[in-house]
Amino acid sequence: MYYKVLIWGNDILKKEIYYKAENDIIAMQKASAAIPDGCRATYEEIDEKIYFQETKTKTEAKAEAEA
């Protein structure tokens, strides 16, 4: 299963994380470990196609920013 975590701080979106986990419990543990102090997060299961599309888009945007 694939997941997306949105990390919020002061009602501002700070980061999006995409990852794979075997089940919801492991997904919640990974999401919890990724949340910095003073922030909150939401996570949701996403479709495999969306996961690969989003991670590809993020990688391309990062490569353009570094060029």
Protein backbone atom coordinates (compact mmCIF):
# COMPACT_ATOMS: atom_id res chain seq x y z
CA MET A 1 0.00 0.00 0.00
CA TYR A 2 1.13 3.51 -0.74
CA TYR A 3 0.62 6.55 1.48
CA LYS A 4 0.93 10.31 1.47
CA VAL A 5 1.65 12.31 4.63
CA LEU A 6 1.05 16.04 4.84
CA ILE A 7 2.99 17.75 7.64
CA TRP A 8 1.55 20.99 8.96
CA GLY A 9 3.06 23.65 11.22
CA ASN A 10 1.12 26.76 12.22
CA ASP A 11 -1.58 25.87 9.67
CA ILE A 12 1.00 26.02 6.85
CA LEU A 13 1.84 22.97 4.78
CA LYS A 14 5.51 22.29 5.44
CA LYS A 15 6.16 19.01 3.66
CA GLU A 16 4.62 16.13 1.73
CA ILE A 17 6.05 12.65 2.12
CA TYR A 18 5.21 9.67 -0.08
CA TYR A 19 6.05 6.15 1.06
CA LYS A 20 5.12 2.48 0.94
CA ALA A 21 4.09 0.39 3.95
CA GLU A 22 2.85 -3.16 4.44
CA ASN A 23 -0.24 -2.17 6.42
CA ASP A 24 -1.99 0.75 8.16
CA ILE A 25 -0.23 0.20 11.49
CA ILE A 26 3.23 0.44 9.95
CA ALA A 27 2.04 3.42 7.90
CA MET A 28 0.94 5.24 11.06
CA GLN A 29 4.26 4.46 12.76
CA LYS A 30 6.22 5.83 9.80
CA ALA A 31 4.04 8.94 9.66
CA SER A 32 4.47 9.50 13.40
CA ALA A 33 8.26 9.18 13.15
CA ALA A 34 8.38 11.79 10.37
CA ILE A 35 6.52 14.51 12.28
CA PRO A 36 8.77 17.17 13.86
CA ASP A 37 7.93 18.56 17.30
CA GLY A 38 5.23 21.23 17.21
CA CYS A 39 3.76 19.99 13.94
CA ARG A 40 0.79 17.85 13.11
CA ALA A 41 0.16 15.56 10.16
CA THR A 42 -2.48 13.80 8.17
CA TYR A 43 -1.90 10.66 6.19
CA GLU A 44 -3.92 8.85 3.60
CA GLU A 45 -3.66 5.76 1.46
CA ILE A 46 -3.20 6.58 -2.21
CA ASP A 47 -3.36 4.62 -5.44
CA GLU A 48 -0.12 3.18 -6.82
CA LYS A 49 -0.45 5.24 -10.02
CA ILE A 50 -0.82 8.46 -8.03
CA TYR A 51 2.20 7.51 -5.90
CA PHE A 52 4.47 7.06 -8.90
CA GLN A 53 3.08 10.12 -10.68
CA GLU A 54 3.60 12.37 -7.63
CA THR A 55 7.09 11.09 -6.84
CA LYS A 56 8.11 11.50 -10.49
CA THR A 57 6.77 15.08 -10.53
CA LYS A 58 8.62 15.92 -7.29
CA THR A 59 11.89 14.43 -8.63
CA GLU A 60 11.60 16.39 -11.88
CA ALA A 61 10.85 19.65 -10.05
CA LYS A 62 13.85 19.13 -7.77
CA ALA A 63 16.13 18.42 -10.74
CA GLU A 64 14.96 21.60 -12.50
CA ALA A 65 15.52 23.68 -9.36
CA GLU A 66 19.08 22.36 -9.02
CA ALA A 67 19.93 22.98 -12.70
